[in-house]
PDB file of N, CA and C in Angstrom:
ATOM      1  N   MET A   1     131.612  79.543  45.203  1.00  0.00           N
ATOM      2  CA  MET A   1     131.317  80.877  45.680  1.00  0.00           C
ATOM      3  C   MET A   1     129.818  81.047  45.951  1.00  0.00           C
ATOM      4  N   LYS A   2     128.991  80.437  45.078  1.00  0.00           N
ATOM      5  CA  LYS A   2     127.545  80.553  45.247  1.00  0.00           C
ATOM      6  C   LYS A   2     127.086  79.912  46.554  1.00  0.00           C
ATOM      7  N   LYS A   3     127.744  78.858  46.978  1.00  0.00           N
ATOM      8  CA  LYS A   3     127.385  78.185  48.227  1.00  0.00           C
ATOM      9  C   LYS A   3     127.943  78.922  49.431  1.00  0.00           C
ATOM     10  N   LEU A   4     129.017  79.642  49.253  1.00  0.00           N
ATOM     11  CA  LEU A   4     129.670  80.342  50.352  1.00  0.00           C
ATOM     12  C   LEU A   4     128.871  81.546  50.843  1.00  0.00           C
ATOM     13  N   LEU A   5     128.263  82.298  49.939  1.00  0.00           N
ATOM     14  CA  LEU A   5     127.513  83.492  50.332  1.00  0.00           C
ATOM     15  C   LEU A   5     126.340  83.183  51.258  1.00  0.00           C
ATOM     16  N   PRO A   6     125.491  82.208  50.949  1.00  0.00           N
ATOM     17  CA  PRO A   6     124.409  81.901  51.903  1.00  0.00           C
ATOM     18  C   PRO A   6     124.934  81.416  53.253  1.00  0.00           C
ATOM     19  N   LEU A   7     126.013  80.682  53.241  1.00  0.00           N
ATOM     20  CA  LEU A   7     126.608  80.195  54.478  1.00  0.00           C
ATOM     21  C   LEU A   7     127.134  81.358  55.325  1.00  0.00           C
ATOM     22  N   LEU A   8     127.779  82.313  54.679  1.00  0.00           N
ATOM     23  CA  LEU A   8     128.261  83.496  55.386  1.00  0.00           C
ATOM     24  C   LEU A   8     127.095  84.314  55.943  1.00  0.00           C
ATOM     25  N   ALA A   9     126.047  84.465  55.162  1.00  0.00           N
ATOM     26  CA  ALA A   9     124.875  85.217  55.616  1.00  0.00           C
ATOM     27  C   ALA A   9     124.238  84.532  56.818  1.00  0.00           C
ATOM     28  N   LEU A  10     124.145  83.223  56.777  1.00  0.00           N
ATOM     29  CA  LEU A  10     123.569  82.473  57.888  1.00  0.00           C
ATOM     30  C   LEU A  10     124.431  82.586  59.138  1.00  0.00           C
ATOM     31  N   SER A  11     125.733  82.548  58.987  1.00  0.00           N
ATOM     32  CA  SER A  11     126.620  82.641  60.147  1.00  0.00           C
ATOM     33  C   SER A  11     126.533  84.008  60.817  1.00  0.00           C
ATOM     34  N   CYS A  12     126.184  85.027  60.062  1.00  0.00           N
ATOM     35  CA  CYS A  12     126.021  86.360  60.648  1.00  0.00           C
ATOM     36  C   CYS A  12     124.788  86.431  61.542  1.00  0.00           C
ATOM     37  N   LEU A  13     123.819  85.596  61.306  1.00  0.00           N
ATOM     38  CA  LEU A  13     122.586  85.606  62.085  1.00  0.00           C
ATOM     39  C   LEU A  13     122.715  84.850  63.401  1.00  0.00           C
ATOM     40  N   LEU A  14     123.670  83.972  63.533  1.00  0.00           N
ATOM     41  CA  LEU A  14     123.796  83.162  64.742  1.00  0.00           C
ATOM     42  C   LEU A  14     123.969  83.983  66.008  1.00  0.00           C
ATOM     43  N   PRO A  15     124.858  84.959  66.057  1.00  0.00           N
ATOM     44  CA  PRO A  15     124.967  85.751  67.284  1.00  0.00           C
ATOM     45  C   PRO A  15     123.685  86.513  67.618  1.00  0.00           C
ATOM     46  N   VAL A  16     122.970  86.964  66.620  1.00  0.00           N
ATOM     47  CA  VAL A  16     121.719  87.683  66.854  1.00  0.00           C
ATOM     48  C   VAL A  16     120.718  86.749  67.527  1.00  0.00           C
ATOM     49  N   GLY A  17     120.656  85.509  67.079  1.00  0.00           N
ATOM     50  CA  GLY A  17     119.770  84.530  67.692  1.00  0.00           C
ATOM     51  C   GLY A  17     120.138  84.278  69.139  1.00  0.00           C
ATOM     52  N   ALA A  18     121.427  84.215  69.427  1.00  0.00           N
ATOM     53  CA  ALA A  18     121.877  84.014  70.804  1.00  0.00           C
ATOM     54  C   ALA A  18     121.492  85.200  71.670  1.00  0.00           C
ATOM     55  N   LEU A  19     121.639  86.413  71.150  1.00  0.00           N
ATOM     56  CA  LEU A  19     121.244  87.604  71.898  1.00  0.00           C
ATOM     57  C   LEU A  19     119.744  87.620  72.151  1.00  0.00           C
ATOM     58  N   ALA A  20     118.977  87.201  71.165  1.00  0.00           N
ATOM     59  CA  ALA A  20     117.528  87.161  71.343  1.00  0.00           C
ATOM     60  C   ALA A  20     117.147  86.166  72.422  1.00  0.00           C
ATOM     61  N   GLN A  21     117.818  85.020  72.463  1.00  0.00           N
ATOM     62  CA  GLN A  21     117.550  84.029  73.508  1.00  0.00           C
ATOM     63  C   GLN A  21     117.897  84.595  74.872  1.00  0.00           C
ATOM     64  N   ASP A  22     119.023  85.295  74.973  1.00  0.00           N
ATOM     65  CA  ASP A  22     119.417  85.906  76.243  1.00  0.00           C
ATOM     66  C   ASP A  22     118.393  86.939  76.685  1.00  0.00           C
ATOM     67  N   ALA A  23     117.873  87.708  75.738  1.00  0.00           N
ATOM     68  CA  ALA A  23     116.886  88.733  76.085  1.00  0.00           C
ATOM     69  C   ALA A  23     115.607  88.092  76.619  1.00  0.00           C
ATOM     70  N   VAL A  24     115.178  86.994  76.003  1.00  0.00           N
ATOM     71  CA  VAL A  24     113.975  86.300  76.467  1.00  0.00           C
ATOM     72  C   VAL A  24     114.216  85.720  77.857  1.00  0.00           C
ATOM     73  N   ALA A  25     115.364  85.079  78.046  1.00  0.00           N
ATOM     74  CA  ALA A  25     115.693  84.508  79.352  1.00  0.00           C
ATOM     75  C   ALA A  25     115.817  85.615  80.395  1.00  0.00           C
ATOM     76  N   GLY A  26     116.393  86.733  80.015  1.00  0.00           N
ATOM     77  CA  GLY A  26     116.569  87.856  80.937  1.00  0.00           C
ATOM     78  C   GLY A  26     115.252  88.466  81.358  1.00  0.00           C
ATOM     79  N   LYS A  27     114.288  88.497  80.449  1.00  0.00           N
ATOM     80  CA  LYS A  27     112.986  89.091  80.763  1.00  0.00           C
ATOM     81  C   LYS A  27     112.318  88.326  81.904  1.00  0.00           C
ATOM     82  N   GLU A  28     112.508  87.017  81.926  1.00  0.00           N
ATOM     83  CA  GLU A  28     111.928  86.193  82.986  1.00  0.00           C
ATOM     84  C   GLU A  28     112.621  86.439  84.330  1.00  0.00           C
ATOM     85  N   LYS A  29     113.873  86.833  84.297  1.00  0.00           N
ATOM     86  CA  LYS A  29     114.665  86.978  85.514  1.00  0.00           C
ATOM     87  C   LYS A  29     114.724  88.405  86.050  1.00  0.00           C
ATOM     88  N   VAL A  30     114.311  89.377  85.250  1.00  0.00           N
ATOM     89  CA  VAL A  30     114.493  90.789  85.592  1.00  0.00           C
ATOM     90  C   VAL A  30     113.419  91.327  86.535  1.00  0.00           C
ATOM     91  N   VAL A  31     112.438  90.533  86.850  1.00  0.00           N
ATOM     92  CA  VAL A  31     111.335  90.989  87.706  1.00  0.00           C
ATOM     93  C   VAL A  31     111.851  91.596  89.002  1.00  0.00           C
ATOM     94  N   ILE A  32     112.839  90.987  89.600  1.00  0.00           N
ATOM     95  CA  ILE A  32     113.380  91.480  90.876  1.00  0.00           C
ATOM     96  C   ILE A  32     114.001  92.875  90.729  1.00  0.00           C
ATOM     97  N   CYS A  33     114.506  93.202  89.553  1.00  0.00           N
ATOM     98  CA  CYS A  33     115.139  94.509  89.316  1.00  0.00           C
ATOM     99  C   CYS A  33     114.108  95.634  89.226  1.00  0.00           C
ATOM    100  N   GLY A  34     112.904  95.279  88.769  1.00  0.00           N
ATOM    101  CA  GLY A  34     111.862  96.268  88.528  1.00  0.00           C
ATOM    102  C   GLY A  34     111.416  97.021  89.758  1.00  0.00           C
ATOM    103  N   ALA A  35     111.547  96.404  90.925  1.00  0.00           N
ATOM    104  CA  ALA A  35     111.107  97.064  92.156  1.00  0.00           C
ATOM    105  C   ALA A  35     111.864  98.375  92.388  1.00  0.00           C
ATOM    106  N   CYS A  36     113.119  98.402  92.055  1.00  0.00           N
ATOM    107  CA  CYS A  36     113.932  99.606  92.287  1.00  0.00           C
ATOM    108  C   CYS A  36     114.223 100.396  91.010  1.00  0.00           C
ATOM    109  N   HIS A  37     114.373  99.680  89.893  1.00  0.00           N
ATOM    110  CA  HIS A  37     114.792 100.336  88.649  1.00  0.00           C
ATOM    111  C   HIS A  37     113.660 100.500  87.647  1.00  0.00           C
ATOM    112  N   GLY A  38     112.435 100.130  88.031  1.00  0.00           N
ATOM    113  CA  GLY A  38     111.290 100.223  87.129  1.00  0.00           C
ATOM    114  C   GLY A  38     111.204  99.006  86.234  1.00  0.00           C
ATOM    115  N   VAL A  39     109.994  98.546  85.962  1.00  0.00           N
ATOM    116  CA  VAL A  39     109.824  97.340  85.148  1.00  0.00           C
ATOM    117  C   VAL A  39     110.343  97.517  83.729  1.00  0.00           C
ATOM    118  N   ASP A  40     110.452  98.764  83.284  1.00  0.00           N
ATOM    119  CA  ASP A  40     110.969  99.043  81.947  1.00  0.00           C
ATOM    120  C   ASP A  40     112.382  99.625  81.989  1.00  0.00           C
ATOM    121  N   GLY A  41     113.035  99.534  83.158  1.00  0.00           N
ATOM    122  CA  GLY A  41     114.395 100.052  83.290  1.00  0.00           C
ATOM    123  C   GLY A  41     114.480 101.544  83.493  1.00  0.00           C
ATOM    124  N   ASN A  42     113.330 102.205  83.635  1.00  0.00           N
ATOM    125  CA  ASN A  42     113.280 103.657  83.812  1.00  0.00           C
ATOM    126  C   ASN A  42     112.804 103.977  85.226  1.00  0.00           C
ATOM    127  N   SER A  43     113.739 104.010  86.132  1.00  0.00           N
ATOM    128  CA  SER A  43     113.417 104.240  87.535  1.00  0.00           C
ATOM    129  C   SER A  43     112.787 105.606  87.747  1.00  0.00           C
ATOM    130  N   THR A  44     111.792 105.639  88.632  1.00  0.00           N
ATOM    131  CA  THR A  44     111.189 106.917  89.019  1.00  0.00           C
ATOM    132  C   THR A  44     111.690 107.349  90.394  1.00  0.00           C
ATOM    133  N   ILE A  45     112.569 106.549  90.977  1.00  0.00           N
ATOM    134  CA  ILE A  45     113.158 106.844  92.280  1.00  0.00           C
ATOM    135  C   ILE A  45     114.501 107.529  92.021  1.00  0.00           C
ATOM    136  N   PRO A  46     114.661 108.785  92.421  1.00  0.00           N
ATOM    137  CA  PRO A  46     115.859 109.554  92.070  1.00  0.00           C
ATOM    138  C   PRO A  46     117.197 108.879  92.404  1.00  0.00           C
ATOM    139  N   GLN A  47     117.298 108.167  93.520  1.00  0.00           N
ATOM    140  CA  GLN A  47     118.589 107.575  93.892  1.00  0.00           C
ATOM    141  C   GLN A  47     118.888 106.266  93.148  1.00  0.00           C
ATOM    142  N   ASN A  48     117.921 105.736  92.396  1.00  0.00           N
ATOM    143  CA  ASN A  48     118.138 104.508  91.631  1.00  0.00           C
ATOM    144  C   ASN A  48     118.331 104.847  90.159  1.00  0.00           C
ATOM    145  N   PRO A  49     119.442 104.418  89.588  1.00  0.00           N
ATOM    146  CA  PRO A  49     119.726 104.799  88.204  1.00  0.00           C
ATOM    147  C   PRO A  49     118.777 104.184  87.179  1.00  0.00           C
ATOM    148  N   ILE A  50     118.611 104.900  86.090  1.00  0.00           N
ATOM    149  CA  ILE A  50     117.866 104.391  84.930  1.00  0.00           C
ATOM    150  C   ILE A  50     118.801 103.450  84.188  1.00  0.00           C
ATOM    151  N   LEU A  51     118.340 102.232  83.953  1.00  0.00           N
ATOM    152  CA  LEU A  51     119.171 101.223  83.295  1.00  0.00           C
ATOM    153  C   LEU A  51     118.899 101.139  81.798  1.00  0.00           C
ATOM    154  N   ALA A  52     117.687 101.469  81.382  1.00  0.00           N
ATOM    155  CA  ALA A  52     117.332 101.401  79.963  1.00  0.00           C
ATOM    156  C   ALA A  52     118.270 102.298  79.169  1.00  0.00           C
ATOM    157  N   GLY A  53     118.716 101.772  78.041  1.00  0.00           N
ATOM    158  CA  GLY A  53     119.599 102.554  77.176  1.00  0.00           C
ATOM    159  C   GLY A  53     121.080 102.285  77.401  1.00  0.00           C
ATOM    160  N   GLN A  54     121.431 101.592  78.471  1.00  0.00           N
ATOM    161  CA  GLN A  54     122.835 101.229  78.705  1.00  0.00           C
ATOM    162  C   GLN A  54     123.187 100.025  77.831  1.00  0.00           C
ATOM    163  N   THR A  55     124.444  99.830  77.558  1.00  0.00           N
ATOM    164  CA  THR A  55     124.856  98.667  76.771  1.00  0.00           C
ATOM    165  C   THR A  55     124.855  97.419  77.646  1.00  0.00           C
ATOM    166  N   SER A  56     124.688  96.272  77.019  1.00  0.00           N
ATOM    167  CA  SER A  56     124.662  95.025  77.782  1.00  0.00           C
ATOM    168  C   SER A  56     126.008  94.770  78.455  1.00  0.00           C
ATOM    169  N   ARG A  57     127.084  95.124  77.807  1.00  0.00           N
ATOM    170  CA  ARG A  57     128.417  94.915  78.405  1.00  0.00           C
ATOM    171  C   ARG A  57     128.572  95.752  79.669  1.00  0.00           C
ATOM    172  N   TYR A  58     128.168  97.007  79.613  1.00  0.00           N
ATOM    173  CA  TYR A  58     128.266  97.882  80.783  1.00  0.00           C
ATOM    174  C   TYR A  58     127.429  97.322  81.934  1.00  0.00           C
ATOM    175  N   ILE A  59     126.194  96.954  81.633  1.00  0.00           N
ATOM    176  CA  ILE A  59     125.316  96.429  82.676  1.00  0.00           C
ATOM    177  C   ILE A  59     125.892  95.152  83.264  1.00  0.00           C
ATOM    178  N   TYR A  60     126.367  94.261  82.408  1.00  0.00           N
ATOM    179  CA  TYR A  60     126.945  92.998  82.881  1.00  0.00           C
ATOM    180  C   TYR A  60     128.132  93.250  83.817  1.00  0.00           C
ATOM    181  N   LEU A  61     129.014  94.140  83.411  1.00  0.00           N
ATOM    182  CA  LEU A  61     130.202  94.420  84.243  1.00  0.00           C
ATOM    183  C   LEU A  61     129.813  95.031  85.585  1.00  0.00           C
ATOM    184  N   GLN A  62     128.805  95.897  85.586  1.00  0.00           N
ATOM    185  CA  GLN A  62     128.354  96.487  86.852  1.00  0.00           C
ATOM    186  C   GLN A  62     127.734  95.418  87.751  1.00  0.00           C
ATOM    187  N   LEU A  63     126.922  94.547  87.179  1.00  0.00           N
ATOM    188  CA  LEU A  63     126.321  93.469  87.962  1.00  0.00           C
ATOM    189  C   LEU A  63     127.396  92.577  88.575  1.00  0.00           C
ATOM    190  N   LYS A  64     128.398  92.223  87.781  1.00  0.00           N
ATOM    191  CA  LYS A  64     129.500  91.388  88.293  1.00  0.00           C
ATOM    192  C   LYS A  64     130.220  92.105  89.428  1.00  0.00           C
ATOM    193  N   ASP A  65     130.499  93.392  89.251  1.00  0.00           N
ATOM    194  CA  ASP A  65     131.208  94.154  90.280  1.00  0.00           C
ATOM    195  C   ASP A  65     130.404  94.223  91.579  1.00  0.00           C
ATOM    196  N   PHE A  66     129.102  94.435  91.479  1.00  0.00           N
ATOM    197  CA  PHE A  66     128.267  94.436  92.683  1.00  0.00           C
ATOM    198  C   PHE A  66     128.282  93.062  93.346  1.00  0.00           C
ATOM    199  N   LYS A  67     128.188  92.034  92.532  1.00  0.00           N
ATOM    200  CA  LYS A  67     128.101  90.673  93.075  1.00  0.00           C
ATOM    201  C   LYS A  67     129.364  90.278  93.844  1.00  0.00           C
ATOM    202  N   VAL A  68     130.526  90.670  93.353  1.00  0.00           N
ATOM    203  CA  VAL A  68     131.782  90.299  94.025  1.00  0.00           C
ATOM    204  C   VAL A  68     132.261  91.394  94.979  1.00  0.00           C
ATOM    205  N   LYS A  69     131.396  92.374  95.209  1.00  0.00           N
ATOM    206  CA  LYS A  69     131.667  93.477  96.131  1.00  0.00           C
ATOM    207  C   LYS A  69     132.832  94.372  95.706  1.00  0.00           C
ATOM    208  N   ALA A  70     133.106  94.412  94.390  1.00  0.00           N
ATOM    209  CA  ALA A  70     134.098  95.352  93.871  1.00  0.00           C
ATOM    210  C   ALA A  70     133.462  96.733  93.725  1.00  0.00           C
ATOM    211  N   ARG A  71     132.149  96.757  93.776  1.00  0.00           N
ATOM    212  CA  ARG A  71     131.383  98.003  93.733  1.00  0.00           C
ATOM    213  C   ARG A  71     130.269  97.874  94.758  1.00  0.00           C
ATOM    214  N   SER A  72     129.908  98.990  95.373  1.00  0.00           N
ATOM    215  CA  SER A  72     128.818  98.942  96.343  1.00  0.00           C
ATOM    216  C   SER A  72     127.913 100.146  96.164  1.00  0.00           C
ATOM    217  N   ASN A  73     126.727 100.036  96.738  1.00  0.00           N
ATOM    218  CA  ASN A  73     125.827 101.185  96.760  1.00  0.00           C
ATOM    219  C   ASN A  73     125.495 101.471  98.217  1.00  0.00           C
ATOM    220  N   ASP A  74     124.994 102.661  98.481  1.00  0.00           N
ATOM    221  CA  ASP A  74     124.758 103.089  99.863  1.00  0.00           C
ATOM    222  C   ASP A  74     123.876 102.119 100.643  1.00  0.00           C
ATOM    223  N   ALA A  75     122.821 101.646 100.033  1.00  0.00           N
ATOM    224  CA  ALA A  75     121.888 100.769 100.741  1.00  0.00           C
ATOM    225  C   ALA A  75     122.421  99.341 100.857  1.00  0.00           C
ATOM    226  N   GLY A  76     123.356  98.981  99.989  1.00  0.00           N
ATOM    227  CA  GLY A  76     123.903  97.630 100.024  1.00  0.00           C
ATOM    228  C   GLY A  76     122.974  96.582  99.439  1.00  0.00           C
ATOM    229  N   ASN A  77     121.867  97.022  98.873  1.00  0.00           N
ATOM    230  CA  ASN A  77     120.889  96.059  98.388  1.00  0.00           C
ATOM    231  C   ASN A  77     121.278  95.373  97.078  1.00  0.00           C
ATOM    232  N   MET A  78     122.125  95.987  96.275  1.00  0.00           N
ATOM    233  CA  MET A  78     122.528  95.356  95.016  1.00  0.00           C
ATOM    234  C   MET A  78     123.270  94.053  95.280  1.00  0.00           C
ATOM    235  N   THR A  79     124.202  94.067  96.204  1.00  0.00           N
ATOM    236  CA  THR A  79     124.951  92.855  96.515  1.00  0.00           C
ATOM    237  C   THR A  79     124.019  91.787  97.072  1.00  0.00           C
ATOM    238  N   ALA A  80     123.107  92.182  97.938  1.00  0.00           N
ATOM    239  CA  ALA A  80     122.162  91.227  98.527  1.00  0.00           C
ATOM    240  C   ALA A  80     121.268  90.607  97.454  1.00  0.00           C
ATOM    241  N   VAL A  81     120.759  91.426  96.553  1.00  0.00           N
ATOM    242  CA  VAL A  81     119.890  90.915  95.489  1.00  0.00           C
ATOM    243  C   VAL A  81     120.678  90.007  94.559  1.00  0.00           C
ATOM    244  N   LEU A  82     121.880  90.410  94.206  1.00  0.00           N
ATOM    245  CA  LEU A  82     122.671  89.625  93.257  1.00  0.00           C
ATOM    246  C   LEU A  82     123.141  88.300  93.837  1.00  0.00           C
ATOM    247  N   ARG A  83     123.176  88.178  95.134  1.00  0.00           N
ATOM    248  CA  ARG A  83     123.509  86.879  95.745  1.00  0.00           C
ATOM    249  C   ARG A  83     122.474  85.827  95.371  1.00  0.00           C
ATOM    250  N   THR A  84     121.254  86.247  95.078  1.00  0.00           N
ATOM    251  CA  THR A  84     120.184  85.304  94.753  1.00  0.00           C
ATOM    252  C   THR A  84     120.156  84.946  93.267  1.00  0.00           C
ATOM    253  N   ILE A  85     120.986  85.589  92.462  1.00  0.00           N
ATOM    254  CA  ILE A  85     120.986  85.378  91.016  1.00  0.00           C
ATOM    255  C   ILE A  85     122.262  84.645  90.608  1.00  0.00           C
ATOM    256  N   PRO A  86     122.118  83.475  89.979  1.00  0.00           N
ATOM    257  CA  PRO A  86     123.306  82.724  89.544  1.00  0.00           C
ATOM    258  C   PRO A  86     124.135  83.510  88.522  1.00  0.00           C
ATOM    259  N   ASP A  87     125.438  83.316  88.546  1.00  0.00           N
ATOM    260  CA  ASP A  87     126.340  84.009  87.614  1.00  0.00           C
ATOM    261  C   ASP A  87     125.919  83.827  86.157  1.00  0.00           C
ATOM    262  N   GLU A  88     125.461  82.635  85.805  1.00  0.00           N
ATOM    263  CA  GLU A  88     125.111  82.368  84.409  1.00  0.00           C
ATOM    264  C   GLU A  88     123.885  83.169  83.947  1.00  0.00           C
ATOM    265  N   ASP A  89     123.122  83.713  84.880  1.00  0.00           N
ATOM    266  CA  ASP A  89     121.956  84.526  84.515  1.00  0.00           C
ATOM    267  C   ASP A  89     122.278  86.011  84.326  1.00  0.00           C
ATOM    268  N   LEU A  90     123.447  86.437  84.746  1.00  0.00           N
ATOM    269  CA  LEU A  90     123.789  87.862  84.666  1.00  0.00           C
ATOM    270  C   LEU A  90     123.845  88.363  83.229  1.00  0.00           C
ATOM    271  N   GLU A  91     124.378  87.548  82.339  1.00  0.00           N
ATOM    272  CA  GLU A  91     124.475  87.966  80.935  1.00  0.00           C
ATOM    273  C   GLU A  91     123.086  88.104  80.320  1.00  0.00           C
ATOM    274  N   ALA A  92     122.183  87.174  80.635  1.00  0.00           N
ATOM    275  CA  ALA A  92     120.816  87.261  80.129  1.00  0.00           C
ATOM    276  C   ALA A  92     120.121  88.504  80.663  1.00  0.00           C
ATOM    277  N   LEU A  93     120.322  88.795  81.938  1.00  0.00           N
ATOM    278  CA  LEU A  93     119.750  90.014  82.528  1.00  0.00           C
ATOM    279  C   LEU A  93     120.264  91.251  81.810  1.00  0.00           C
ATOM    280  N   ALA A  94     121.572  91.311  81.623  1.00  0.00           N
ATOM    281  CA  ALA A  94     122.186  92.468  80.977  1.00  0.00           C
ATOM    282  C   ALA A  94     121.687  92.649  79.556  1.00  0.00           C
ATOM    283  N   THR A  95     121.549  91.551  78.823  1.00  0.00           N
ATOM    284  CA  THR A  95     121.073  91.629  77.436  1.00  0.00           C
ATOM    285  C   THR A  95     119.645  92.123  77.389  1.00  0.00           C
ATOM    286  N   TYR A  96     118.803  91.628  78.279  1.00  0.00           N
ATOM    287  CA  TYR A  96     117.418  92.078  78.289  1.00  0.00           C
ATOM    288  C   TYR A  96     117.316  93.559  78.672  1.00  0.00           C
ATOM    289  N   ILE A  97     118.003  93.955  79.717  1.00  0.00           N
ATOM    290  CA  ILE A  97     117.943  95.347  80.172  1.00  0.00           C
ATOM    291  C   ILE A  97     118.433  96.293  79.074  1.00  0.00           C
ATOM    292  N   ALA A  98     119.478  95.880  78.359  1.00  0.00           N
ATOM    293  CA  ALA A  98     120.003  96.713  77.284  1.00  0.00           C
ATOM    294  C   ALA A  98     119.014  96.865  76.128  1.00  0.00           C
ATOM    295  N   SER A  99     118.060  95.952  76.026  1.00  0.00           N
ATOM    296  CA  SER A  99     117.078  96.039  74.945  1.00  0.00           C
ATOM    297  C   SER A  99     115.949  97.026  75.256  1.00  0.00           C
ATOM    298  N   LEU A 100     115.905  97.539  76.476  1.00  0.00           N
ATOM    299  CA  LEU A 100     114.845  98.454  76.880  1.00  0.00           C
ATOM    300  C   LEU A 100     115.145  99.881  76.425  1.00  0.00           C
ATOM    301  N   ASN A 101     114.095 100.650  76.166  1.00  0.00           N
ATOM    302  CA  ASN A 101     114.273 102.040  75.748  1.00  0.00           C
ATOM    303  C   ASN A 101     114.085 102.979  76.912  1.00  0.00           C
TER     304      ASN A 101
END
């Protein structure tokens, strides 16, 4: 039992470490988003939504929907921008954006 508790505590930290890695990777990739949504996720352009404060799952699902054209915006720029971002980077982007206040 004494050996099990530290092992359980350590296993609880593993997902947090993965999220932290995604946030760091996302920060490097989010530069393109800042032009429209603000570098801190707080857009000052009324027609562009504020992303800071959203959950990573919500952001990820919206990014996927824009990328596969299941969702669109009036300007059509989300789909165009997301074409340049590999699918494997979307989760990192979403995790980083969700970490913003």
